[in-house]
Amino acid sequence: MEEMISESCLTGEYVAQKMKEFEKGKPFPHVVCDGFVRKERIASLIRGLEKEGFAEKRADLFHFLQTKDLHGAKDKVLKGMVQLLDSADFASYLTQITGVKVKVGASDVFGSCYTDTHYLLCHDDRLEGRKLAFILYLTTLREGQGGALVLRNDIRGKPGSRVLRIHPRAGRLVVFAVSRKSWHAVEEILSPVKRYAIGGWLH
């Protein structure tokens, strides 16, 4: 884990702090880990995604670009990231923070690229087996450029008002528990920037 993740994020003190943040997370359990991936790895991960290539994903609910599942990635650095996400060490790390037990090696992992006018409307991510959702940002977007992750509260089984906006920041990891209340969306990108990320679900 140390080759990919910042040392400061692996200490017992850090894990204890994030446990509290996850438990108290509103409007549903979540945690934000800044500087999670080592800075020197970020550019290599972006290059790896670009080598993989993106396909346009478009429907009423969303419009963005996405890679195939990265378990088939050929790029060495991307392979290393997927192996990390599938490892027993990472499963144990997230279980400590979230209290959610996930299966080792049971993940869906994709690269995404959002650019001008791309968006993802509100949904809850529920699908059989999904326990934790994660997104690792590889680029930073400024306020006014869009692309923030929006968390909404639940009102009688439907998405309610916006509670929190989490801006893309290179190296930032966001993890949240998937449930019938995990309403979230990605705000429309408002400029010709590229919002690169690696995301998916742990089962």
Protein backbone atom coordinates (compact mmCIF):
# COMPACT_ATOMS: atom_id res chain seq x y z
CA MET A 1 0.00 0.00 0.00
CA GLU A 2 2.87 2.36 0.81
CA GLU A 3 3.95 2.55 -2.85
CA MET A 4 0.63 4.11 -3.88
CA ILE A 5 -0.85 5.67 -0.74
CA SER A 6 0.55 8.60 1.24
CA GLU A 7 2.23 7.50 4.46
CA SER A 8 0.26 10.03 6.50
CA CYS A 9 -3.00 8.25 5.56
CA LEU A 10 -1.85 4.91 6.96
CA THR A 11 -1.21 5.83 10.60
CA GLY A 12 -3.42 4.58 13.41
CA GLU A 13 -4.21 8.16 14.40
CA TYR A 14 -5.40 8.98 10.88
CA VAL A 15 -7.58 5.86 10.67
CA ALA A 16 -9.16 6.66 14.06
CA GLN A 17 -9.97 10.20 12.89
CA LYS A 18 -11.55 8.95 9.67
CA MET A 19 -13.61 6.38 11.59
CA LYS A 20 -15.26 9.23 13.48
CA GLU A 21 -15.79 11.25 10.31
CA PHE A 22 -17.42 8.33 8.51
CA GLU A 23 -19.76 7.56 11.40
CA LYS A 24 -20.84 11.20 11.73
CA GLY A 25 -21.04 11.84 7.99
CA LYS A 26 -24.19 13.62 6.82
CA PRO A 27 -26.53 13.07 5.03
CA PHE A 28 -25.25 9.45 5.04
CA PRO A 29 -22.00 7.81 6.20
CA HIS A 30 -19.06 8.97 4.11
CA VAL A 31 -15.45 10.03 4.45
CA VAL A 32 -13.13 12.34 2.49
CA CYS A 33 -9.40 11.53 2.48
CA ASP A 34 -7.29 14.33 1.02
CA GLY A 35 -3.82 13.56 -0.32
CA PHE A 36 -4.64 9.86 -0.28
CA VAL A 37 -2.59 8.91 -3.33
CA ARG A 38 1.05 9.92 -3.54
CA LYS A 39 1.47 13.03 -5.70
CA GLU A 40 4.09 11.40 -7.88
CA ARG A 41 1.59 8.69 -8.91
CA ILE A 42 -1.22 10.96 -10.11
CA ALA A 43 0.19 11.97 -13.50
CA SER A 44 1.03 8.33 -14.26
CA LEU A 45 -2.52 7.26 -13.43
CA ILE A 46 -3.94 9.90 -15.78
CA ARG A 47 -1.63 8.77 -18.59
CA GLY A 48 -2.71 5.20 -17.94
CA LEU A 49 -6.39 6.13 -18.27
CA GLU A 50 -5.71 7.98 -21.51
CA LYS A 51 -3.96 4.89 -22.90
CA GLU A 52 -6.96 2.73 -21.96
CA GLY A 53 -9.28 5.02 -23.89
CA PHE A 54 -12.78 6.22 -23.05
CA ALA A 55 -16.21 5.45 -24.48
CA GLU A 56 -19.07 7.94 -24.34
CA LYS A 57 -21.80 7.05 -21.84
CA ARG A 58 -25.03 8.92 -22.47
CA ALA A 59 -28.61 8.58 -21.20
CA ASP A 60 -31.21 10.76 -19.49
CA LEU A 61 -29.44 10.22 -16.17
CA PHE A 62 -25.86 10.89 -17.28
CA HIS A 63 -23.36 12.02 -19.91
CA PHE A 64 -19.64 11.39 -19.46
CA LEU A 65 -16.73 9.28 -20.72
CA GLN A 66 -15.72 5.97 -19.16
CA THR A 67 -13.11 3.25 -19.59
CA LYS A 68 -13.83 -0.46 -19.55
CA ASP A 69 -13.45 -2.20 -16.20
CA LEU A 70 -9.83 -1.56 -15.22
CA HIS A 71 -9.27 -5.17 -14.17
CA GLY A 72 -8.30 -5.59 -17.81
CA ALA A 73 -5.90 -2.62 -17.85
CA LYS A 74 -2.55 -3.13 -19.52
CA ASP A 75 -0.85 -0.06 -18.04
CA LYS A 76 1.51 -1.00 -15.20
CA VAL A 77 0.50 1.81 -12.82
CA LEU A 78 -3.22 1.23 -13.36
CA LYS A 79 -2.70 -2.48 -12.77
CA GLY A 80 -0.99 -1.61 -9.49
CA MET A 81 -3.93 0.55 -8.43
CA VAL A 82 -6.47 -2.18 -9.20
CA GLN A 83 -4.38 -4.74 -7.34
CA LEU A 84 -4.32 -2.38 -4.36
CA LEU A 85 -8.11 -1.92 -4.44
CA ASP A 86 -8.54 -5.71 -4.57
CA SER A 87 -6.02 -6.43 -1.82
CA ALA A 88 -6.68 -7.80 1.67
CA ASP A 89 -4.78 -4.84 3.13
CA PHE A 90 -7.06 -2.30 1.46
CA ALA A 91 -10.20 -4.25 2.42
CA SER A 92 -9.00 -4.30 6.03
CA TYR A 93 -8.16 -0.57 5.90
CA LEU A 94 -11.64 0.40 4.68
CA THR A 95 -13.35 -1.98 7.09
CA GLN A 96 -11.53 -0.29 9.97
CA ILE A 97 -12.70 3.14 8.82
CA THR A 98 -16.26 2.30 7.79
CA GLY A 99 -17.17 -0.76 9.83
CA VAL A 100 -18.36 -2.31 6.57
CA LYS A 101 -16.88 -5.71 5.76
CA VAL A 102 -16.02 -6.04 2.07
CA LYS A 103 -14.85 -9.06 0.12
CA VAL A 104 -11.21 -9.22 -0.93
CA GLY A 105 -10.88 -8.99 -4.70
CA ALA A 106 -14.56 -8.17 -5.26
CA SER A 107 -14.57 -4.75 -6.88
CA ASP A 108 -15.79 -2.91 -9.96
CA VAL A 109 -13.25 -0.29 -11.05
CA PHE A 110 -13.57 2.23 -13.89
CA GLY A 111 -11.86 5.37 -15.06
CA SER A 112 -14.02 8.37 -15.90
CA CYS A 113 -13.56 11.69 -17.64
CA TYR A 114 -16.11 14.48 -17.34
CA THR A 115 -15.67 17.56 -19.50
CA ASP A 116 -17.77 20.51 -20.73
CA THR A 117 -21.56 19.84 -20.20
CA HIS A 118 -21.04 16.35 -18.72
CA TYR A 119 -23.11 15.44 -15.64
CA LEU A 120 -24.60 12.65 -13.52
CA LEU A 121 -28.07 13.13 -12.09
CA CYS A 122 -29.14 12.06 -8.62
CA HIS A 123 -29.27 8.32 -7.86
CA ASP A 124 -28.42 5.98 -4.97
CA ASP A 125 -25.93 3.48 -6.56
CA ARG A 126 -27.86 0.51 -5.18
CA LEU A 127 -27.23 -2.72 -7.05
CA GLU A 128 -26.98 -6.21 -5.63
CA GLY A 129 -23.76 -6.71 -3.71
CA ARG A 130 -22.52 -3.13 -3.63
CA LYS A 131 -21.48 -2.10 -0.11
CA LEU A 132 -19.09 0.83 -0.52
CA ALA A 133 -18.73 3.30 -3.37
CA PHE A 134 -15.46 5.13 -3.93
CA ILE A 135 -14.06 7.84 -6.15
CA LEU A 136 -10.42 8.84 -6.42
CA TYR A 137 -9.97 12.24 -8.05
CA LEU A 138 -6.94 12.75 -10.26
CA THR A 139 -7.56 16.39 -11.20
CA THR A 140 -8.55 19.53 -9.30
CA LEU A 141 -11.45 21.72 -10.41
CA ARG A 142 -12.02 25.24 -9.15
CA GLU A 143 -15.27 26.60 -7.79
CA GLY A 144 -17.36 27.67 -10.78
CA GLN A 145 -16.05 24.93 -13.07
CA GLY A 146 -18.65 22.42 -11.87
CA GLY A 147 -18.06 18.72 -11.35
CA ALA A 148 -18.65 18.65 -7.60
CA LEU A 149 -20.05 15.52 -5.97
CA VAL A 150 -23.36 16.48 -4.35
CA LEU A 151 -24.81 14.54 -1.41
CA ARG A 152 -28.54 14.88 -0.74
CA ASN A 153 -30.71 13.86 2.16
CA ASP A 154 -33.53 11.34 1.95
CA ILE A 155 -37.18 12.33 2.21
CA ARG A 156 -39.53 9.36 2.33
CA GLY A 157 -37.43 7.32 -0.07
CA LYS A 158 -36.70 10.13 -2.50
CA PRO A 159 -33.79 12.58 -2.83
CA GLY A 160 -34.26 15.77 -0.84
CA SER A 161 -32.23 18.93 -0.43
CA ARG A 162 -28.50 19.30 -1.02
CA VAL A 163 -26.49 18.80 2.15
CA LEU A 164 -22.89 18.75 0.93
CA ARG A 165 -20.76 19.51 -2.15
CA ILE A 166 -17.38 17.78 -2.43
CA HIS A 167 -15.09 19.36 -5.00
CA PRO A 168 -12.69 17.33 -7.14
CA ARG A 169 -9.15 17.63 -5.82
CA ALA A 170 -6.22 15.62 -7.19
CA GLY A 171 -5.38 12.77 -4.80
CA ARG A 172 -8.66 13.05 -2.87
CA LEU A 173 -10.50 9.80 -2.08
CA VAL A 174 -14.21 9.79 -1.23
CA VAL A 175 -15.87 6.67 0.16
CA PHE A 176 -19.52 6.25 1.14
CA ALA A 177 -21.84 3.47 2.21
CA VAL A 178 -24.31 2.38 -0.47
CA SER A 179 -27.88 2.28 0.81
CA ARG A 180 -31.40 3.35 -0.07
CA LYS A 181 -30.45 6.77 1.31
CA SER A 182 -27.14 7.31 -0.50
CA TRP A 183 -28.50 9.95 -2.89
CA HIS A 184 -25.74 11.68 -4.84
CA ALA A 185 -25.02 13.40 -8.15
CA VAL A 186 -22.22 15.07 -10.12
CA GLU A 187 -22.80 18.69 -11.03
CA GLU A 188 -22.53 19.64 -14.69
CA ILE A 189 -19.06 20.62 -15.88
CA LEU A 190 -19.20 24.29 -16.88
CA SER A 191 -15.90 24.71 -18.74
CA PRO A 192 -13.65 22.73 -21.12
CA VAL A 193 -11.63 21.17 -18.29
CA LYS A 194 -11.15 17.44 -17.75
CA ARG A 195 -12.27 15.83 -14.50
CA TYR A 196 -10.36 12.56 -14.36
CA ALA A 197 -11.15 10.00 -11.68
CA ILE A 198 -11.02 6.32 -10.82
CA GLY A 199 -14.15 5.04 -9.17
CA GLY A 200 -16.36 2.05 -8.53
CA TRP A 201 -17.73 -0.21 -5.84
CA LEU A 202 -16.56 -2.76 -3.31
CA HIS A 203 -18.81 -5.74 -2.57
